[in-house]
PDB file of N, CA and C in Angstrom:
ATOM      1  N   MET A   1     -86.677  93.429 138.865  1.00  0.00           N
ATOM      2  CA  MET A   1     -87.564  92.620 139.665  1.00  0.00           C
ATOM      3  C   MET A   1     -87.399  91.140 139.342  1.00  0.00           C
ATOM      4  N   ASP A   2     -87.162  90.830 138.070  1.00  0.00           N
ATOM      5  CA  ASP A   2     -86.946  89.427 137.705  1.00  0.00           C
ATOM      6  C   ASP A   2     -85.768  88.840 138.479  1.00  0.00           C
ATOM      7  N   GLU A   3     -84.725  89.623 138.642  1.00  0.00           N
ATOM      8  CA  GLU A   3     -83.559  89.159 139.398  1.00  0.00           C
ATOM      9  C   GLU A   3     -83.948  88.827 140.842  1.00  0.00           C
ATOM     10  N   PHE A   4     -84.778  89.636 141.452  1.00  0.00           N
ATOM     11  CA  PHE A   4     -85.241  89.389 142.816  1.00  0.00           C
ATOM     12  C   PHE A   4     -86.045  88.086 142.882  1.00  0.00           C
ATOM     13  N   VAL A   5     -86.971  87.919 141.963  1.00  0.00           N
ATOM     14  CA  VAL A   5     -87.769  86.686 141.949  1.00  0.00           C
ATOM     15  C   VAL A   5     -86.857  85.478 141.749  1.00  0.00           C
ATOM     16  N   ARG A   6     -85.975  85.567 140.771  1.00  0.00           N
ATOM     17  CA  ARG A   6     -85.086  84.450 140.413  1.00  0.00           C
ATOM     18  C   ARG A   6     -84.086  84.120 141.523  1.00  0.00           C
ATOM     19  N   GLU A   7     -83.518  85.145 142.148  1.00  0.00           N
ATOM     20  CA  GLU A   7     -82.432  84.913 143.101  1.00  0.00           C
ATOM     21  C   GLU A   7     -82.863  84.890 144.568  1.00  0.00           C
ATOM     22  N   VAL A   8     -84.042  85.414 144.877  1.00  0.00           N
ATOM     23  CA  VAL A   8     -84.492  85.445 146.272  1.00  0.00           C
ATOM     24  C   VAL A   8     -85.727  84.562 146.461  1.00  0.00           C
ATOM     25  N   ILE A   9     -86.796  84.867 145.737  1.00  0.00           N
ATOM     26  CA  ILE A   9     -88.055  84.159 145.954  1.00  0.00           C
ATOM     27  C   ILE A   9     -87.968  82.682 145.556  1.00  0.00           C
ATOM     28  N   LEU A  10     -87.526  82.395 144.351  1.00  0.00           N
ATOM     29  CA  LEU A  10     -87.527  81.001 143.878  1.00  0.00           C
ATOM     30  C   LEU A  10     -86.718  80.058 144.754  1.00  0.00           C
ATOM     31  N   PRO A  11     -85.487  80.393 145.114  1.00  0.00           N
ATOM     32  CA  PRO A  11     -84.742  79.453 145.958  1.00  0.00           C
ATOM     33  C   PRO A  11     -85.219  79.411 147.411  1.00  0.00           C
ATOM     34  N   MET A  12     -85.794  80.510 147.910  1.00  0.00           N
ATOM     35  CA  MET A  12     -86.267  80.526 149.304  1.00  0.00           C
ATOM     36  C   MET A  12     -87.517  79.679 149.486  1.00  0.00           C
ATOM     37  N   TYR A  13     -88.419  79.746 148.531  1.00  0.00           N
ATOM     38  CA  TYR A  13     -89.701  79.042 148.634  1.00  0.00           C
ATOM     39  C   TYR A  13     -89.608  77.703 147.918  1.00  0.00           C
ATOM     40  N   GLN A  14     -89.054  76.740 148.592  1.00  0.00           N
ATOM     41  CA  GLN A  14     -88.932  75.398 148.018  1.00  0.00           C
ATOM     42  C   GLN A  14     -90.091  74.531 148.497  1.00  0.00           C
ATOM     43  N   ARG A  15     -91.279  74.981 148.170  1.00  0.00           N
ATOM     44  CA  ARG A  15     -92.491  74.252 148.528  1.00  0.00           C
ATOM     45  C   ARG A  15     -93.019  73.545 147.288  1.00  0.00           C
ATOM     46  N   LYS A  16     -93.625  72.412 147.502  1.00  0.00           N
ATOM     47  CA  LYS A  16     -94.217  71.657 146.398  1.00  0.00           C
ATOM     48  C   LYS A  16     -95.405  72.433 145.856  1.00  0.00           C
ATOM     49  N   VAL A  17     -95.406  72.650 144.553  1.00  0.00           N
ATOM     50  CA  VAL A  17     -96.525  73.286 143.870  1.00  0.00           C
ATOM     51  C   VAL A  17     -96.949  72.401 142.705  1.00  0.00           C
ATOM     52  N   GLY A  18     -98.186  72.526 142.305  1.00  0.00           N
ATOM     53  CA  GLY A  18     -98.674  71.779 141.156  1.00  0.00           C
ATOM     54  C   GLY A  18    -100.179  71.650 141.173  1.00  0.00           C
ATOM     55  N   PRO A  19    -100.733  71.119 140.090  1.00  0.00           N
ATOM     56  CA  PRO A  19    -102.192  71.034 139.969  1.00  0.00           C
ATOM     57  C   PRO A  19    -102.843  70.114 141.001  1.00  0.00           C
ATOM     58  N   ARG A  20    -102.100  69.201 141.577  1.00  0.00           N
ATOM     59  CA  ARG A  20    -102.644  68.317 142.612  1.00  0.00           C
ATOM     60  C   ARG A  20    -102.160  68.705 144.009  1.00  0.00           C
ATOM     61  N   SER A  21    -101.571  69.873 144.107  1.00  0.00           N
ATOM     62  CA  SER A  21    -101.041  70.363 145.375  1.00  0.00           C
ATOM     63  C   SER A  21    -101.968  71.439 145.939  1.00  0.00           C
ATOM     64  N   SER A  22    -101.783  71.755 147.208  1.00  0.00           N
ATOM     65  CA  SER A  22    -102.560  72.842 147.809  1.00  0.00           C
ATOM     66  C   SER A  22    -101.964  74.205 147.456  1.00  0.00           C
ATOM     67  N   ARG A  23    -100.838  74.192 146.743  1.00  0.00           N
ATOM     68  CA  ARG A  23    -100.189  75.437 146.330  1.00  0.00           C
ATOM     69  C   ARG A  23    -100.010  75.440 144.816  1.00  0.00           C
ATOM     70  N   ARG A  24    -100.170  76.619 144.231  1.00  0.00           N
ATOM     71  CA  ARG A  24     -99.945  76.794 142.804  1.00  0.00           C
ATOM     72  C   ARG A  24     -98.886  77.873 142.596  1.00  0.00           C
ATOM     73  N   TRP A  25     -98.180  77.745 141.500  1.00  0.00           N
ATOM     74  CA  TRP A  25     -97.216  78.756 141.073  1.00  0.00           C
ATOM     75  C   TRP A  25     -97.110  78.643 139.568  1.00  0.00           C
ATOM     76  N   SER A  26     -96.896  79.739 138.914  1.00  0.00           N
ATOM     77  CA  SER A  26     -96.705  79.718 137.469  1.00  0.00           C
ATOM     78  C   SER A  26     -95.271  80.082 137.143  1.00  0.00           C
ATOM     79  N   ALA A  27     -94.626  79.252 136.318  1.00  0.00           N
ATOM     80  CA  ALA A  27     -93.273  79.569 135.863  1.00  0.00           C
ATOM     81  C   ALA A  27     -93.276  80.902 135.132  1.00  0.00           C
ATOM     82  N   GLU A  28     -94.385  81.229 134.512  1.00  0.00           N
ATOM     83  CA  GLU A  28     -94.544  82.511 133.829  1.00  0.00           C
ATOM     84  C   GLU A  28     -95.320  83.478 134.732  1.00  0.00           C
ATOM     85  N   TRP A  29     -94.851  83.631 135.943  1.00  0.00           N
ATOM     86  CA  TRP A  29     -95.461  84.490 136.951  1.00  0.00           C
ATOM     87  C   TRP A  29     -95.677  85.907 136.444  1.00  0.00           C
ATOM     88  N   TRP A  30     -94.816  86.322 135.539  1.00  0.00           N
ATOM     89  CA  TRP A  30     -94.844  87.678 134.996  1.00  0.00           C
ATOM     90  C   TRP A  30     -96.051  87.924 134.090  1.00  0.00           C
ATOM     91  N   ARG A  31     -96.839  86.915 133.773  1.00  0.00           N
ATOM     92  CA  ARG A  31     -98.061  87.088 132.968  1.00  0.00           C
ATOM     93  C   ARG A  31     -99.248  87.550 133.818  1.00  0.00           C
ATOM     94  N   SER A  32     -99.142  87.467 135.124  1.00  0.00           N
ATOM     95  CA  SER A  32    -100.230  87.854 136.026  1.00  0.00           C
ATOM     96  C   SER A  32     -99.976  89.248 136.585  1.00  0.00           C
ATOM     97  N   ALA A  33    -100.868  90.176 136.275  1.00  0.00           N
ATOM     98  CA  ALA A  33    -100.710  91.548 136.777  1.00  0.00           C
ATOM     99  C   ALA A  33    -100.715  91.582 138.304  1.00  0.00           C
ATOM    100  N   GLU A  34    -101.588  90.781 138.914  1.00  0.00           N
ATOM    101  CA  GLU A  34    -101.625  90.756 140.379  1.00  0.00           C
ATOM    102  C   GLU A  34    -100.310  90.229 140.946  1.00  0.00           C
ATOM    103  N   ALA A  35     -99.805  89.148 140.381  1.00  0.00           N
ATOM    104  CA  ALA A  35     -98.553  88.581 140.870  1.00  0.00           C
ATOM    105  C   ALA A  35     -97.402  89.566 140.694  1.00  0.00           C
ATOM    106  N   VAL A  36     -97.342  90.227 139.556  1.00  0.00           N
ATOM    107  CA  VAL A  36     -96.278  91.203 139.314  1.00  0.00           C
ATOM    108  C   VAL A  36     -96.361  92.327 140.345  1.00  0.00           C
ATOM    109  N   SER A  37     -97.554  92.813 140.616  1.00  0.00           N
ATOM    110  CA  SER A  37     -97.708  93.891 141.594  1.00  0.00           C
ATOM    111  C   SER A  37     -97.291  93.438 142.987  1.00  0.00           C
ATOM    112  N   ARG A  38     -97.713  92.252 143.393  1.00  0.00           N
ATOM    113  CA  ARG A  38     -97.361  91.747 144.724  1.00  0.00           C
ATOM    114  C   ARG A  38     -95.865  91.449 144.833  1.00  0.00           C
ATOM    115  N   LEU A  39     -95.282  90.857 143.810  1.00  0.00           N
ATOM    116  CA  LEU A  39     -93.849  90.550 143.844  1.00  0.00           C
ATOM    117  C   LEU A  39     -93.014  91.824 143.793  1.00  0.00           C
ATOM    118  N   ASP A  40     -93.497  92.827 143.073  1.00  0.00           N
ATOM    119  CA  ASP A  40     -92.815  94.118 143.063  1.00  0.00           C
ATOM    120  C   ASP A  40     -92.841  94.741 144.459  1.00  0.00           C
ATOM    121  N   ALA A  41     -93.984  94.649 145.132  1.00  0.00           N
ATOM    122  CA  ALA A  41     -94.085  95.165 146.500  1.00  0.00           C
ATOM    123  C   ALA A  41     -93.133  94.413 147.432  1.00  0.00           C
ATOM    124  N   LEU A  42     -93.057  93.088 147.260  1.00  0.00           N
ATOM    125  CA  LEU A  42     -92.126  92.293 148.071  1.00  0.00           C
ATOM    126  C   LEU A  42     -90.691  92.721 147.828  1.00  0.00           C
ATOM    127  N   TRP A  43     -90.344  92.927 146.573  1.00  0.00           N
ATOM    128  CA  TRP A  43     -88.979  93.333 146.221  1.00  0.00           C
ATOM    129  C   TRP A  43     -88.638  94.687 146.851  1.00  0.00           C
ATOM    130  N   ARG A  44     -89.536  95.646 146.721  1.00  0.00           N
ATOM    131  CA  ARG A  44     -89.259  96.982 147.249  1.00  0.00           C
ATOM    132  C   ARG A  44     -89.158  96.969 148.780  1.00  0.00           C
ATOM    133  N   ALA A  45     -90.022  96.206 149.423  1.00  0.00           N
ATOM    134  CA  ALA A  45     -89.950  96.079 150.886  1.00  0.00           C
ATOM    135  C   ALA A  45     -88.652  95.390 151.289  1.00  0.00           C
ATOM    136  N   TRP A  46     -88.255  94.364 150.551  1.00  0.00           N
ATOM    137  CA  TRP A  46     -87.012  93.644 150.842  1.00  0.00           C
ATOM    138  C   TRP A  46     -85.811  94.583 150.709  1.00  0.00           C
ATOM    139  N   GLU A  47     -85.782  95.370 149.637  1.00  0.00           N
ATOM    140  CA  GLU A  47     -84.668  96.306 149.426  1.00  0.00           C
ATOM    141  C   GLU A  47     -84.550  97.285 150.594  1.00  0.00           C
ATOM    142  N   HIS A  48     -85.669  97.724 151.112  1.00  0.00           N
ATOM    143  CA  HIS A  48     -85.650  98.670 152.229  1.00  0.00           C
ATOM    144  C   HIS A  48     -85.306  97.973 153.547  1.00  0.00           C
ATOM    145  N   LEU A  49     -85.973  96.866 153.833  1.00  0.00           N
ATOM    146  CA  LEU A  49     -85.844  96.235 155.146  1.00  0.00           C
ATOM    147  C   LEU A  49     -84.566  95.426 155.328  1.00  0.00           C
ATOM    148  N   ARG A  50     -83.956  94.975 154.248  1.00  0.00           N
ATOM    149  CA  ARG A  50     -82.729  94.182 154.390  1.00  0.00           C
ATOM    150  C   ARG A  50     -81.579  94.998 154.972  1.00  0.00           C
ATOM    151  N   LEU A  51     -81.697  96.309 154.911  1.00  0.00           N
ATOM    152  CA  LEU A  51     -80.655  97.177 155.453  1.00  0.00           C
ATOM    153  C   LEU A  51     -80.767  97.361 156.958  1.00  0.00           C
ATOM    154  N   ASP A  52     -81.893  96.954 157.528  1.00  0.00           N
ATOM    155  CA  ASP A  52     -82.106  97.043 158.980  1.00  0.00           C
ATOM    156  C   ASP A  52     -81.556  95.769 159.604  1.00  0.00           C
ATOM    157  N   GLY A  53     -80.409  95.879 160.221  1.00  0.00           N
ATOM    158  CA  GLY A  53     -79.745  94.699 160.785  1.00  0.00           C
ATOM    159  C   GLY A  53     -80.409  94.116 162.012  1.00  0.00           C
ATOM    160  N   ALA A  54     -81.341  94.813 162.584  1.00  0.00           N
ATOM    161  CA  ALA A  54     -81.990  94.314 163.797  1.00  0.00           C
ATOM    162  C   ALA A  54     -83.241  93.505 163.452  1.00  0.00           C
ATOM    163  N   LEU A  55     -84.277  94.168 162.994  1.00  0.00           N
ATOM    164  CA  LEU A  55     -85.561  93.498 162.770  1.00  0.00           C
ATOM    165  C   LEU A  55     -86.011  93.496 161.313  1.00  0.00           C
ATOM    166  N   GLY A  56     -85.195  94.002 160.433  1.00  0.00           N
ATOM    167  CA  GLY A  56     -85.605  94.163 159.044  1.00  0.00           C
ATOM    168  C   GLY A  56     -86.100  92.899 158.372  1.00  0.00           C
ATOM    169  N   MET A  57     -85.311  91.833 158.431  1.00  0.00           N
ATOM    170  CA  MET A  57     -85.713  90.620 157.722  1.00  0.00           C
ATOM    171  C   MET A  57     -86.887  89.926 158.406  1.00  0.00           C
ATOM    172  N   SER A  58     -86.942  89.988 159.721  1.00  0.00           N
ATOM    173  CA  SER A  58     -88.087  89.414 160.423  1.00  0.00           C
ATOM    174  C   SER A  58     -89.362  90.159 160.035  1.00  0.00           C
ATOM    175  N   THR A  59     -89.280  91.464 159.974  1.00  0.00           N
ATOM    176  CA  THR A  59     -90.413  92.276 159.566  1.00  0.00           C
ATOM    177  C   THR A  59     -90.801  91.961 158.125  1.00  0.00           C
ATOM    178  N   TRP A  60     -89.815  91.804 157.247  1.00  0.00           N
ATOM    179  CA  TRP A  60     -90.096  91.481 155.854  1.00  0.00           C
ATOM    180  C   TRP A  60     -90.837  90.151 155.750  1.00  0.00           C
ATOM    181  N   TRP A  61     -90.337  89.136 156.433  1.00  0.00           N
ATOM    182  CA  TRP A  61     -91.013  87.840 156.398  1.00  0.00           C
ATOM    183  C   TRP A  61     -92.436  87.938 156.936  1.00  0.00           C
ATOM    184  N   ARG A  62     -92.574  88.500 158.143  1.00  0.00           N
ATOM    185  CA  ARG A  62     -93.876  88.513 158.816  1.00  0.00           C
ATOM    186  C   ARG A  62     -94.891  89.393 158.102  1.00  0.00           C
ATOM    187  N   ASP A  63     -94.508  90.620 157.777  1.00  0.00           N
ATOM    188  CA  ASP A  63     -95.464  91.598 157.271  1.00  0.00           C
ATOM    189  C   ASP A  63     -95.597  91.623 155.752  1.00  0.00           C
ATOM    190  N   HIS A  64     -94.643  91.065 155.057  1.00  0.00           N
ATOM    191  CA  HIS A  64     -94.647  91.179 153.597  1.00  0.00           C
ATOM    192  C   HIS A  64     -94.643  89.808 152.904  1.00  0.00           C
ATOM    193  N   ALA A  65     -93.578  89.047 153.076  1.00  0.00           N
ATOM    194  CA  ALA A  65     -93.467  87.772 152.359  1.00  0.00           C
ATOM    195  C   ALA A  65     -94.582  86.807 152.739  1.00  0.00           C
ATOM    196  N   ASP A  66     -94.758  86.567 154.033  1.00  0.00           N
ATOM    197  CA  ASP A  66     -95.806  85.631 154.452  1.00  0.00           C
ATOM    198  C   ASP A  66     -97.171  86.087 153.947  1.00  0.00           C
ATOM    199  N   TYR A  67     -97.438  87.359 154.044  1.00  0.00           N
ATOM    200  CA  TYR A  67     -98.736  87.868 153.624  1.00  0.00           C
ATOM    201  C   TYR A  67     -98.969  87.659 152.123  1.00  0.00           C
ATOM    202  N   HIS A  68     -98.067  88.181 151.296  1.00  0.00           N
ATOM    203  CA  HIS A  68     -98.275  88.122 149.841  1.00  0.00           C
ATOM    204  C   HIS A  68     -98.153  86.707 149.276  1.00  0.00           C
ATOM    205  N   MET A  69     -97.202  85.938 149.756  1.00  0.00           N
ATOM    206  CA  MET A  69     -97.055  84.579 149.220  1.00  0.00           C
ATOM    207  C   MET A  69     -98.259  83.726 149.576  1.00  0.00           C
ATOM    208  N   ASN A  70     -98.852  83.953 150.744  1.00  0.00           N
ATOM    209  CA  ASN A  70    -100.056  83.206 151.125  1.00  0.00           C
ATOM    210  C   ASN A  70    -101.263  83.589 150.279  1.00  0.00           C
ATOM    211  N   ILE A  71    -101.195  84.701 149.593  1.00  0.00           N
ATOM    212  CA  ILE A  71    -102.251  85.081 148.654  1.00  0.00           C
ATOM    213  C   ILE A  71    -101.919  84.555 147.252  1.00  0.00           C
ATOM    214  N   LEU A  72    -100.646  84.486 146.906  1.00  0.00           N
ATOM    215  CA  LEU A  72    -100.255  83.995 145.579  1.00  0.00           C
ATOM    216  C   LEU A  72    -100.382  82.477 145.443  1.00  0.00           C
ATOM    217  N   PHE A  73    -100.114  81.724 146.504  1.00  0.00           N
ATOM    218  CA  PHE A  73    -100.056  80.259 146.429  1.00  0.00           C
ATOM    219  C   PHE A  73    -101.391  79.501 146.335  1.00  0.00           C
ATOM    220  N   PRO A  74    -102.475  79.938 146.938  1.00  0.00           N
ATOM    221  CA  PRO A  74    -103.683  79.101 146.978  1.00  0.00           C
ATOM    222  C   PRO A  74    -104.261  78.788 145.589  1.00  0.00           C
ATOM    223  N   PRO A  75    -105.004  77.693 145.487  1.00  0.00           N
ATOM    224  CA  PRO A  75    -105.630  77.323 144.214  1.00  0.00           C
ATOM    225  C   PRO A  75    -106.590  78.383 143.667  1.00  0.00           C
ATOM    226  N   ASP A  76    -107.113  79.264 144.520  1.00  0.00           N
ATOM    227  CA  ASP A  76    -107.989  80.317 144.019  1.00  0.00           C
ATOM    228  C   ASP A  76    -107.233  81.641 143.839  1.00  0.00           C
ATOM    229  N   GLY A  77    -105.907  81.596 143.895  1.00  0.00           N
ATOM    230  CA  GLY A  77    -105.079  82.776 143.675  1.00  0.00           C
ATOM    231  C   GLY A  77    -104.790  82.987 142.201  1.00  0.00           C
ATOM    232  N   PRO A  78    -103.908  83.917 141.887  1.00  0.00           N
ATOM    233  CA  PRO A  78    -103.639  84.254 140.481  1.00  0.00           C
ATOM    234  C   PRO A  78    -103.030  83.109 139.669  1.00  0.00           C
ATOM    235  N   PHE A  79    -102.487  82.084 140.326  1.00  0.00           N
ATOM    236  CA  PHE A  79    -101.899  80.960 139.601  1.00  0.00           C
ATOM    237  C   PHE A  79    -102.786  79.713 139.641  1.00  0.00           C
ATOM    238  N   GLY A  80    -104.048  79.897 139.991  1.00  0.00           N
ATOM    239  CA  GLY A  80    -104.960  78.773 140.174  1.00  0.00           C
ATOM    240  C   GLY A  80    -105.092  77.850 138.980  1.00  0.00           C
ATOM    241  N   ARG A  81    -104.919  78.349 137.792  1.00  0.00           N
ATOM    242  CA  ARG A  81    -105.035  77.524 136.581  1.00  0.00           C
ATOM    243  C   ARG A  81    -103.714  76.920 136.133  1.00  0.00           C
ATOM    244  N   SER A  82    -102.655  77.255 136.829  1.00  0.00           N
ATOM    245  CA  SER A  82    -101.333  76.787 136.410  1.00  0.00           C
ATOM    246  C   SER A  82    -101.190  75.275 136.577  1.00  0.00           C
ATOM    247  N   GLU A  83    -100.562  74.657 135.599  1.00  0.00           N
ATOM    248  CA  GLU A  83    -100.247  73.229 135.641  1.00  0.00           C
ATOM    249  C   GLU A  83     -98.774  73.010 135.998  1.00  0.00           C
ATOM    250  N   ASP A  84     -98.027  74.089 136.204  1.00  0.00           N
ATOM    251  CA  ASP A  84     -96.605  73.976 136.515  1.00  0.00           C
ATOM    252  C   ASP A  84     -96.416  73.299 137.863  1.00  0.00           C
ATOM    253  N   GLU A  85     -95.388  72.485 137.952  1.00  0.00           N
ATOM    254  CA  GLU A  85     -95.104  71.812 139.215  1.00  0.00           C
ATOM    255  C   GLU A  85     -93.610  71.648 139.403  1.00  0.00           C
ATOM    256  N   ASN A  86     -93.245  71.334 140.623  1.00  0.00           N
ATOM    257  CA  ASN A  86     -91.852  71.068 140.964  1.00  0.00           C
ATOM    258  C   ASN A  86     -91.810  69.826 141.849  1.00  0.00           C
ATOM    259  N   LYS A  87     -90.620  69.412 142.162  1.00  0.00           N
ATOM    260  CA  LYS A  87     -90.435  68.285 143.067  1.00  0.00           C
ATOM    261  C   LYS A  87     -90.273  68.826 144.485  1.00  0.00           C
ATOM    262  N   PRO A  88     -90.616  68.039 145.498  1.00  0.00           N
ATOM    263  CA  PRO A  88     -90.427  68.503 146.880  1.00  0.00           C
ATOM    264  C   PRO A  88     -88.982  68.944 147.116  1.00  0.00           C
ATOM    265  N   GLY A  89     -88.810  70.109 147.711  1.00  0.00           N
ATOM    266  CA  GLY A  89     -87.485  70.638 148.013  1.00  0.00           C
ATOM    267  C   GLY A  89     -86.823  71.360 146.853  1.00  0.00           C
ATOM    268  N   ALA A  90     -87.478  71.402 145.702  1.00  0.00           N
ATOM    269  CA  ALA A  90     -86.912  72.084 144.533  1.00  0.00           C
ATOM    270  C   ALA A  90     -87.427  73.525 144.484  1.00  0.00           C
ATOM    271  N   PRO A  91     -86.666  74.420 143.851  1.00  0.00           N
ATOM    272  CA  PRO A  91     -87.157  75.794 143.695  1.00  0.00           C
ATOM    273  C   PRO A  91     -88.473  75.823 142.906  1.00  0.00           C
ATOM    274  N   LEU A  92     -89.180  76.902 143.032  1.00  0.00           N
ATOM    275  CA  LEU A  92     -90.407  77.086 142.268  1.00  0.00           C
ATOM    276  C   LEU A  92     -90.096  77.107 140.772  1.00  0.00           C
ATOM    277  N   PRO A  93     -91.037  76.675 139.937  1.00  0.00           N
ATOM    278  CA  PRO A  93     -90.822  76.691 138.479  1.00  0.00           C
ATOM    279  C   PRO A  93     -90.553  78.110 137.967  1.00  0.00           C
ATOM    280  N   TYR A  94     -89.767  78.193 136.896  1.00  0.00           N
ATOM    281  CA  TYR A  94     -89.366  79.503 136.380  1.00  0.00           C
ATOM    282  C   TYR A  94     -89.153  79.457 134.878  1.00  0.00           C
ATOM    283  N   THR A  95     -89.712  80.452 134.212  1.00  0.00           N
ATOM    284  CA  THR A  95     -89.450  80.726 132.803  1.00  0.00           C
ATOM    285  C   THR A  95     -89.040  82.189 132.730  1.00  0.00           C
ATOM    286  N   PRO A  96     -87.924  82.510 132.065  1.00  0.00           N
ATOM    287  CA  PRO A  96     -87.505  83.914 131.990  1.00  0.00           C
ATOM    288  C   PRO A  96     -88.559  84.779 131.302  1.00  0.00           C
ATOM    289  N   PRO A  97     -88.742  86.006 131.782  1.00  0.00           N
ATOM    290  CA  PRO A  97     -89.670  86.917 131.102  1.00  0.00           C
ATOM    291  C   PRO A  97     -89.076  87.389 129.778  1.00  0.00           C
ATOM    292  N   PRO A  98     -89.922  87.900 128.908  1.00  0.00           N
ATOM    293  CA  PRO A  98     -89.398  88.438 127.645  1.00  0.00           C
ATOM    294  C   PRO A  98     -88.387  89.556 127.915  1.00  0.00           C
ATOM    295  N   PRO A  99     -87.356  89.655 127.085  1.00  0.00           N
ATOM    296  CA  PRO A  99     -86.367  90.721 127.267  1.00  0.00           C
ATOM    297  C   PRO A  99     -87.034  92.095 127.293  1.00  0.00           C
ATOM    298  N   GLY A 100     -86.583  92.925 128.232  1.00  0.00           N
ATOM    299  CA  GLY A 100     -87.078  94.288 128.342  1.00  0.00           C
ATOM    300  C   GLY A 100     -88.348  94.448 129.164  1.00  0.00           C
ATOM    301  N   LEU A 101     -88.974  93.338 129.588  1.00  0.00           N
ATOM    302  CA  LEU A 101     -90.205  93.450 130.368  1.00  0.00           C
ATOM    303  C   LEU A 101     -89.948  94.118 131.720  1.00  0.00           C
ATOM    304  N   PHE A 102     -88.814  93.807 132.332  1.00  0.00           N
ATOM    305  CA  PHE A 102     -88.455  94.390 133.621  1.00  0.00           C
ATOM    306  C   PHE A 102     -87.105  95.083 133.494  1.00  0.00           C
ATOM    307  N   PRO A 103     -87.097  96.340 133.025  1.00  0.00           N
ATOM    308  CA  PRO A 103     -85.812  97.050 132.909  1.00  0.00           C
ATOM    309  C   PRO A 103     -85.195  97.267 134.294  1.00  0.00           C
ATOM    310  N   ASP A 104     -83.888  97.286 134.335  1.00  0.00           N
ATOM    311  CA  ASP A 104     -83.170  97.499 135.594  1.00  0.00           C
ATOM    312  C   ASP A 104     -83.375  98.948 136.016  1.00  0.00           C
ATOM    313  N   VAL A 105     -84.018  99.145 137.164  1.00  0.00           N
ATOM    314  CA  VAL A 105     -84.321 100.506 137.624  1.00  0.00           C
ATOM    315  C   VAL A 105     -83.310 101.031 138.641  1.00  0.00           C
ATOM    316  N   ARG A 106     -82.290 100.213 138.926  1.00  0.00           N
ATOM    317  CA  ARG A 106     -81.276 100.677 139.873  1.00  0.00           C
ATOM    318  C   ARG A 106     -80.426 101.744 139.220  1.00  0.00           C
ATOM    319  N   GLU A 107     -79.942 102.677 140.013  1.00  0.00           N
ATOM    320  CA  GLU A 107     -79.137 103.764 139.493  1.00  0.00           C
ATOM    321  C   GLU A 107     -77.863 103.245 138.826  1.00  0.00           C
ATOM    322  N   GLY A 108     -77.541 103.835 137.683  1.00  0.00           N
ATOM    323  CA  GLY A 108     -76.294 103.511 137.016  1.00  0.00           C
ATOM    324  C   GLY A 108     -76.297 102.191 136.262  1.00  0.00           C
ATOM    325  N   ARG A 109     -77.438 101.539 136.105  1.00  0.00           N
ATOM    326  CA  ARG A 109     -77.448 100.271 135.353  1.00  0.00           C
ATOM    327  C   ARG A 109     -78.390 100.331 134.193  1.00  0.00           C
TER     328      ARG A 109
END
């Protein structure tokens, strides 16, 4: 899941976040149980829907990413106390999770 957050979510969501912004994000997103659950749901939906060449990604954005990210970003969301910030157009802040926190669950790895 960390790979999904690092390689898909962080570079895709280049929105300004910070304590003086209307959006919050924590570089240590993995410390929030709610955020981990929502990001895990996003990852699993992405893995399934990305294989649908017709409407898969549109469905993922509309029904999954837009929904969950709009709950994660607000000041009253799980990152409301975060002081982490980025520059406009930069990826969201990121700190690697502790080793072993997210074991690779894909077959053969």
